[in-house]
Amino acid sequence: MRKWIFLLLLFSLWGFGAVTAWSTGDYRGQVFMYYREDDAPSQEELARLVSQEITAWTLTEDVLVQNRELGKKKQAECMSVHGSRDMAAFRRLVDGTYGCRSDREGCIISRGLAMDLFGSVSVSGKQVWCRDQAYVVRGVTDDSGYVILIPAGKEEGMRCMIISCGKDSSGETAAERILFRHGIGNGYVCVDGFLFFSFSCLTVMSAPVAVLIWLCRELLRRGVGKRRRLGLAILALSLLFLGILLLWKLELKIPAGLIPGKWSDFDFWSRKAGELHDRMGRMGEAYRVEWLEQLKRRTMISAVCSLGVSGGFLIWGHFAGGNREG
């Protein structure tokens, strides 16, 4: 009985990891770039990319936000946004809407800021002042901190950018071509959501592979009866079919950047490992970005769950086999 409870717990944990990995598919085709202050493109430069779905923003700390009707004020983080505010905030709304991209008079504030300035989160349509300009609150996010999102000024440098390039395995390459075509440089930090999605899916597949290896081992073990061998063979074939179906449904592809130009390039993987190490270090320099934080969190959860299930099952299989032999 305890054996089946343990296996059920492993299966539940794997299911949670698989669902989390599936959710990282929302980031496919999205490329995040973070610029140093001197290299950040201006809102006016980005406005020329009318045919591309681009969201860009920059963050300024300790900006005074006021509710002049009630005489209340609070220092907050100010996000100047070009494009979709929902992509910049990447948070659920508790009131109102994010408004349209062309809205120059509206703003979005966090729940924490709304409570401090108004004492309520139902403040859509009310007025706040930021940088000596009045804005109408269009919506309130579920962020407990103090944040306000306002339209970016023409000359303001956008240090963070998300480019939607379609759900392709070469999103980073496509983003770099788009920026190069319009005379805009690449960011100091570049994160392709497809790479995280691929990694999450591969870790999810590790558990079925571990089970398949165990089944093959059991099939080849001496002393297994014909009836049991037939049952194990059917289970192994079913698992293989389900694995292929899962790969097809996930539309999993090997990222183009991880395929060497020629197989005789033996230094390819060592170079890629060095690039990955350098990128991970740079990623830590980017200030808090909700898009990036959620992507890393989901990837980590799916990897820990899936690899934990693989290890747990192999340990169980080892001891289960040892008990039978004993």
Protein backbone atom coordinates (compact mmCIF):
# COMPACT_ATOMS: atom_id res chain seq x y z
CA MET A 1 0.00 0.00 0.00
CA ARG A 2 2.82 2.37 0.89
CA LYS A 3 4.43 1.64 -2.49
CA TRP A 4 1.37 2.88 -4.38
CA ILE A 5 1.05 5.97 -2.18
CA PHE A 6 4.70 6.81 -2.90
CA LEU A 7 4.23 6.32 -6.65
CA LEU A 8 1.05 8.44 -6.57
CA LEU A 9 2.97 11.24 -4.82
CA LEU A 10 5.71 11.04 -7.44
CA PHE A 11 3.16 11.17 -10.26
CA SER A 12 1.42 14.19 -8.67
CA LEU A 13 4.73 16.00 -8.28
CA TRP A 14 5.62 15.26 -11.90
CA GLY A 15 2.19 16.52 -13.03
CA PHE A 16 2.73 19.80 -11.18
CA GLY A 17 6.15 20.19 -12.80
CA ALA A 18 4.70 19.40 -16.24
CA VAL A 19 1.93 22.01 -15.87
CA THR A 20 4.49 24.60 -14.73
CA ALA A 21 6.73 23.77 -17.70
CA TRP A 22 3.73 24.08 -20.02
CA SER A 23 3.10 27.59 -18.63
CA THR A 24 6.59 28.68 -19.73
CA GLY A 25 5.28 28.28 -23.29
CA ASP A 26 3.77 31.76 -22.84
CA TYR A 27 7.33 33.11 -23.12
CA ARG A 28 8.13 31.48 -26.46
CA GLY A 29 8.90 34.07 -29.09
CA GLN A 30 9.52 36.74 -26.45
CA VAL A 31 13.02 38.15 -26.11
CA PHE A 32 13.98 40.38 -23.18
CA MET A 33 16.81 42.88 -23.42
CA TYR A 34 18.35 45.02 -20.71
CA TYR A 35 20.48 48.04 -21.66
CA ARG A 36 23.08 49.97 -19.77
CA GLU A 37 22.09 53.56 -19.11
CA ASP A 38 24.29 55.09 -21.83
CA ASP A 39 23.16 52.57 -24.49
CA ALA A 40 19.41 52.61 -23.85
CA PRO A 41 17.36 53.52 -26.98
CA SER A 42 14.94 56.42 -26.63
CA GLN A 43 11.17 56.11 -26.82
CA GLU A 44 11.29 58.17 -30.03
CA GLU A 45 13.66 55.63 -31.67
CA LEU A 46 11.47 52.71 -30.66
CA ALA A 47 8.37 54.46 -31.99
CA ARG A 48 9.76 53.90 -35.51
CA LEU A 49 9.28 50.14 -35.09
CA VAL A 50 5.55 50.44 -35.78
CA SER A 51 5.31 46.99 -37.39
CA GLN A 52 6.77 45.19 -34.36
CA GLU A 53 5.16 44.31 -31.04
CA ILE A 54 7.60 45.92 -28.61
CA THR A 55 7.20 46.87 -24.98
CA ALA A 56 9.95 48.94 -23.38
CA TRP A 57 10.32 50.70 -20.08
CA THR A 58 12.74 52.24 -17.64
CA LEU A 59 12.54 52.36 -13.86
CA THR A 60 13.21 55.40 -11.68
CA GLU A 61 13.21 55.06 -7.91
CA ASP A 62 11.96 57.53 -5.29
CA VAL A 63 9.58 59.51 -7.48
CA LEU A 64 6.94 61.56 -5.64
CA VAL A 65 3.34 60.53 -6.37
CA GLN A 66 0.53 62.70 -4.94
CA ASN A 67 -3.19 62.60 -4.30
CA ARG A 68 -3.72 66.36 -4.08
CA GLU A 69 -7.41 66.08 -3.22
CA LEU A 70 -6.65 64.26 0.04
CA GLY A 71 -3.24 65.86 0.55
CA LYS A 72 -1.44 62.51 0.55
CA LYS A 73 1.89 61.70 -1.07
CA LYS A 74 4.25 58.75 -1.34
CA GLN A 75 7.68 57.97 -2.81
CA ALA A 76 7.31 55.23 -5.42
CA GLU A 77 9.09 53.44 -8.25
CA CYS A 78 8.12 55.07 -11.54
CA MET A 79 8.01 52.89 -14.68
CA SER A 80 7.97 54.95 -17.88
CA VAL A 81 6.43 52.62 -20.45
CA HIS A 82 6.43 52.48 -24.24
CA GLY A 83 3.95 49.92 -25.56
CA SER A 84 1.82 47.48 -23.57
CA ARG A 85 1.72 48.28 -19.88
CA ASP A 86 0.56 44.77 -19.01
CA MET A 87 3.80 43.36 -20.47
CA ALA A 88 5.88 45.85 -18.49
CA ALA A 89 4.10 45.21 -15.18
CA PHE A 90 3.42 41.52 -15.88
CA ARG A 91 0.94 41.42 -12.98
CA ARG A 92 -2.72 40.66 -12.47
CA LEU A 93 -5.13 43.60 -12.12
CA VAL A 94 -7.35 43.93 -9.05
CA ASP A 95 -9.25 46.92 -10.45
CA GLY A 96 -9.76 48.64 -13.80
CA THR A 97 -7.82 47.92 -17.00
CA TYR A 98 -4.37 48.52 -18.43
CA GLY A 99 -5.77 50.93 -21.03
CA CYS A 100 -4.69 51.25 -24.64
CA ARG A 101 -1.12 51.72 -25.87
CA SER A 102 -1.78 55.22 -27.20
CA ASP A 103 -3.23 56.55 -23.94
CA ARG A 104 -1.01 59.47 -22.82
CA GLU A 105 -3.16 60.62 -19.89
CA GLY A 106 -3.68 57.36 -18.01
CA CYS A 107 -1.49 55.55 -15.48
CA ILE A 108 -1.46 52.25 -13.59
CA ILE A 109 -0.64 52.08 -9.89
CA SER A 110 0.10 49.19 -7.54
CA ARG A 111 -2.21 48.02 -4.76
CA GLY A 112 0.21 49.25 -2.10
CA LEU A 113 0.33 52.75 -3.60
CA ALA A 114 -3.47 52.86 -4.03
CA MET A 115 -4.00 51.97 -0.36
CA ASP A 116 -1.54 54.64 0.82
CA LEU A 117 -2.95 57.41 -1.39
CA PHE A 118 -6.67 56.55 -1.39
CA GLY A 119 -7.22 53.89 1.27
CA SER A 120 -8.83 51.61 -1.34
CA VAL A 121 -7.98 49.67 -4.50
CA SER A 122 -11.16 50.73 -6.31
CA VAL A 123 -9.66 53.97 -7.60
CA SER A 124 -10.09 53.72 -11.40
CA GLY A 125 -10.91 57.15 -12.80
CA LYS A 126 -9.31 59.07 -9.92
CA GLN A 127 -6.44 61.50 -10.39
CA VAL A 128 -2.83 61.35 -9.20
CA TRP A 129 0.12 63.65 -9.81
CA CYS A 130 3.57 62.38 -10.84
CA ARG A 131 6.50 64.49 -12.06
CA ASP A 132 4.28 67.59 -11.89
CA GLN A 133 1.76 66.11 -14.30
CA ALA A 134 -1.76 64.86 -13.65
CA TYR A 135 -2.71 61.31 -14.65
CA VAL A 136 -5.99 59.40 -14.49
CA VAL A 137 -5.73 55.99 -12.83
CA ARG A 138 -6.82 53.33 -15.35
CA GLY A 139 -6.12 50.27 -13.20
CA VAL A 140 -4.53 48.83 -10.05
CA THR A 141 -2.16 45.82 -10.03
CA ASP A 142 -1.87 43.22 -7.28
CA ASP A 143 1.64 44.45 -6.34
CA SER A 144 1.90 45.25 -2.63
CA GLY A 145 4.82 47.60 -3.27
CA TYR A 146 4.75 51.24 -4.42
CA VAL A 147 4.84 51.44 -8.22
CA ILE A 148 3.31 53.72 -10.85
CA LEU A 149 3.31 53.13 -14.62
CA ILE A 150 3.15 56.23 -16.82
CA PRO A 151 3.66 56.89 -20.58
CA ALA A 152 7.32 57.33 -21.55
CA GLY A 153 8.67 60.67 -22.72
CA LYS A 154 10.12 61.00 -26.23
CA GLU A 155 13.73 61.48 -25.16
CA GLU A 156 13.60 59.01 -22.27
CA GLY A 157 15.97 56.04 -22.56
CA MET A 158 14.27 52.64 -22.34
CA ARG A 159 16.55 50.28 -20.39
CA CYS A 160 14.26 47.22 -20.55
CA MET A 161 12.62 45.81 -23.66
CA ILE A 162 10.50 42.80 -24.62
CA ILE A 163 10.25 41.98 -28.33
CA SER A 164 7.62 39.52 -29.57
CA CYS A 165 9.02 37.65 -32.57
CA GLY A 166 6.57 34.75 -32.94
CA LYS A 167 6.89 31.29 -31.40
CA ASP A 168 10.11 30.31 -33.11
CA SER A 169 13.30 28.66 -31.92
CA SER A 170 15.42 31.57 -33.22
CA GLY A 171 13.68 34.43 -31.42
CA GLU A 172 16.94 36.01 -30.30
CA THR A 173 18.31 36.07 -33.85
CA ALA A 174 15.05 37.56 -35.16
CA ALA A 175 15.10 40.26 -32.45
CA GLU A 176 18.69 41.19 -33.22
CA ARG A 177 17.86 41.52 -36.94
CA ILE A 178 14.87 43.75 -36.20
CA LEU A 179 16.92 46.07 -34.00
CA PHE A 180 19.86 46.14 -36.43
CA ARG A 181 17.53 47.03 -39.31
CA HIS A 182 16.38 50.12 -37.39
CA GLY A 183 19.80 51.16 -36.15
CA ILE A 184 19.27 50.03 -32.54
CA GLY A 185 21.92 48.03 -30.72
CA ASN A 186 21.46 44.80 -28.78
CA GLY A 187 21.03 44.86 -25.02
CA TYR A 188 23.76 44.17 -22.47
CA VAL A 189 21.55 41.31 -21.22
CA CYS A 190 19.57 39.22 -23.69
CA VAL A 191 17.15 36.48 -22.58
CA ASP A 192 15.26 34.29 -25.07
CA GLY A 193 12.14 32.82 -23.48
CA PHE A 194 12.30 29.85 -25.87
CA LEU A 195 15.51 28.58 -24.27
CA PHE A 196 13.87 28.46 -20.84
CA PHE A 197 10.82 26.73 -22.32
CA SER A 198 13.02 24.10 -24.00
CA PHE A 199 14.96 23.48 -20.79
CA SER A 200 11.72 23.09 -18.78
CA CYS A 201 10.29 20.60 -21.29
CA LEU A 202 13.50 18.55 -21.40
CA THR A 203 13.56 18.23 -17.61
CA VAL A 204 9.89 17.18 -17.65
CA MET A 205 10.76 14.43 -20.12
CA SER A 206 13.49 13.11 -17.79
CA ALA A 207 10.92 11.35 -15.56
CA PRO A 208 9.27 9.30 -18.38
CA VAL A 209 12.75 8.44 -19.64
CA ALA A 210 13.72 7.21 -16.17
CA VAL A 211 10.59 5.03 -16.02
CA LEU A 212 11.29 3.68 -19.52
CA ILE A 213 14.86 2.78 -18.54
CA TRP A 214 13.56 0.94 -15.47
CA LEU A 215 10.99 -0.96 -17.58
CA CYS A 216 13.66 -2.01 -20.08
CA ARG A 217 15.85 -3.18 -17.21
CA GLU A 218 12.98 -5.23 -15.80
CA LEU A 219 12.29 -6.76 -19.23
CA LEU A 220 15.91 -7.91 -19.54
CA ARG A 221 16.12 -9.24 -16.00
CA ARG A 222 16.31 -13.00 -15.62
CA GLY A 223 13.49 -14.91 -13.98
CA VAL A 224 10.69 -12.62 -15.21
CA GLY A 225 7.60 -14.62 -16.19
CA LYS A 226 6.08 -14.39 -19.67
CA ARG A 227 2.92 -12.74 -18.41
CA ARG A 228 4.82 -10.08 -16.48
CA ARG A 229 7.22 -9.55 -19.38
CA LEU A 230 4.28 -8.97 -21.75
CA GLY A 231 2.71 -6.48 -19.34
CA LEU A 232 6.00 -4.58 -18.97
CA ALA A 233 6.46 -4.50 -22.77
CA ILE A 234 2.96 -3.08 -23.30
CA LEU A 235 3.58 -0.49 -20.57
CA ALA A 236 6.93 0.49 -22.11
CA LEU A 237 5.42 0.90 -25.60
CA SER A 238 2.52 2.91 -24.17
CA LEU A 239 4.94 5.18 -22.32
CA LEU A 240 7.03 5.64 -25.46
CA PHE A 241 3.93 6.59 -27.44
CA LEU A 242 2.79 9.03 -24.76
CA GLY A 243 6.29 10.58 -24.69
CA ILE A 244 6.24 11.14 -28.45
CA LEU A 245 2.73 12.61 -28.18
CA LEU A 246 3.87 14.94 -25.40
CA LEU A 247 6.84 16.15 -27.45
CA TRP A 248 4.52 16.79 -30.39
CA LYS A 249 2.02 18.69 -28.26
CA LEU A 250 4.74 20.81 -26.67
CA GLU A 251 6.14 21.57 -30.15
CA LEU A 252 9.58 21.08 -28.67
CA LYS A 253 12.47 21.96 -30.94
CA ILE A 254 16.19 22.16 -30.37
CA PRO A 255 17.10 25.89 -30.31
CA ALA A 256 19.03 26.83 -33.43
CA GLY A 257 21.76 28.40 -31.32
CA LEU A 258 22.52 25.00 -29.73
CA ILE A 259 23.14 23.23 -33.04
CA PRO A 260 26.78 23.35 -34.23
CA GLY A 261 27.41 24.46 -37.80
CA LYS A 262 29.50 21.34 -38.37
CA TRP A 263 29.93 18.23 -36.22
CA SER A 264 33.73 18.49 -36.40
CA ASP A 265 33.54 21.72 -34.33
CA PHE A 266 34.64 20.08 -31.06
CA ASP A 267 35.03 23.43 -29.25
CA PHE A 268 31.37 24.33 -29.84
CA TRP A 269 30.04 23.09 -26.49
CA SER A 270 32.89 24.58 -24.47
CA ARG A 271 32.21 27.97 -26.10
CA LYS A 272 28.48 27.62 -25.42
CA ALA A 273 29.18 26.77 -21.77
CA GLY A 274 31.34 29.89 -21.47
CA GLU A 275 28.64 32.04 -23.09
CA LEU A 276 25.99 30.61 -20.76
CA HIS A 277 28.12 31.36 -17.71
CA ASP A 278 28.69 34.93 -18.92
CA ARG A 279 24.98 35.45 -19.62
CA MET A 280 23.90 34.14 -16.25
CA GLY A 281 26.28 36.60 -14.60
CA ARG A 282 24.92 39.50 -16.64
CA MET A 283 21.34 38.47 -15.93
CA GLY A 284 21.99 39.07 -12.25
CA GLU A 285 22.92 42.70 -13.01
CA ALA A 286 19.48 43.53 -14.43
CA TYR A 287 17.31 45.24 -11.84
CA ARG A 288 14.12 43.56 -10.70
CA VAL A 289 11.99 42.67 -13.74
CA GLU A 290 8.77 40.74 -13.09
CA TRP A 291 8.83 39.07 -16.54
CA LEU A 292 12.30 37.69 -15.87
CA GLU A 293 11.59 36.73 -12.25
CA GLN A 294 8.49 34.74 -13.15
CA LEU A 295 10.24 33.00 -16.05
CA LYS A 296 13.13 31.92 -13.82
CA ARG A 297 10.75 30.86 -11.03
CA ARG A 298 8.61 28.67 -13.32
CA THR A 299 11.66 27.09 -14.93
CA MET A 300 13.21 26.31 -11.55
CA ILE A 301 9.99 24.78 -10.19
CA SER A 302 9.51 22.52 -13.23
CA ALA A 303 13.17 21.44 -13.16
CA VAL A 304 13.23 20.66 -9.42
CA CYS A 305 9.93 18.73 -9.57
CA SER A 306 10.84 16.72 -12.67
CA LEU A 307 14.41 15.87 -11.70
CA GLY A 308 13.29 15.08 -8.15
CA VAL A 309 10.69 12.64 -9.50
CA SER A 310 13.29 11.01 -11.78
CA GLY A 311 15.70 10.52 -8.89
CA GLY A 312 12.95 9.33 -6.54
CA PHE A 313 11.68 6.76 -9.03
CA LEU A 314 15.15 5.38 -9.80
CA ILE A 315 15.86 5.01 -6.06
CA TRP A 316 12.49 3.28 -5.60
CA GLY A 317 13.17 1.01 -8.57
CA HIS A 318 16.59 0.07 -7.17
CA PHE A 319 15.24 -0.91 -3.77
CA ALA A 320 12.15 -2.58 -5.24
CA GLY A 321 14.37 -4.72 -7.48
CA GLY A 322 16.67 -5.48 -4.56
CA ASN A 323 13.75 -6.67 -2.41
CA ARG A 324 12.52 -9.03 -5.16
CA GLU A 325 15.97 -10.52 -5.59
CA GLY A 326 16.28 -10.89 -1.83
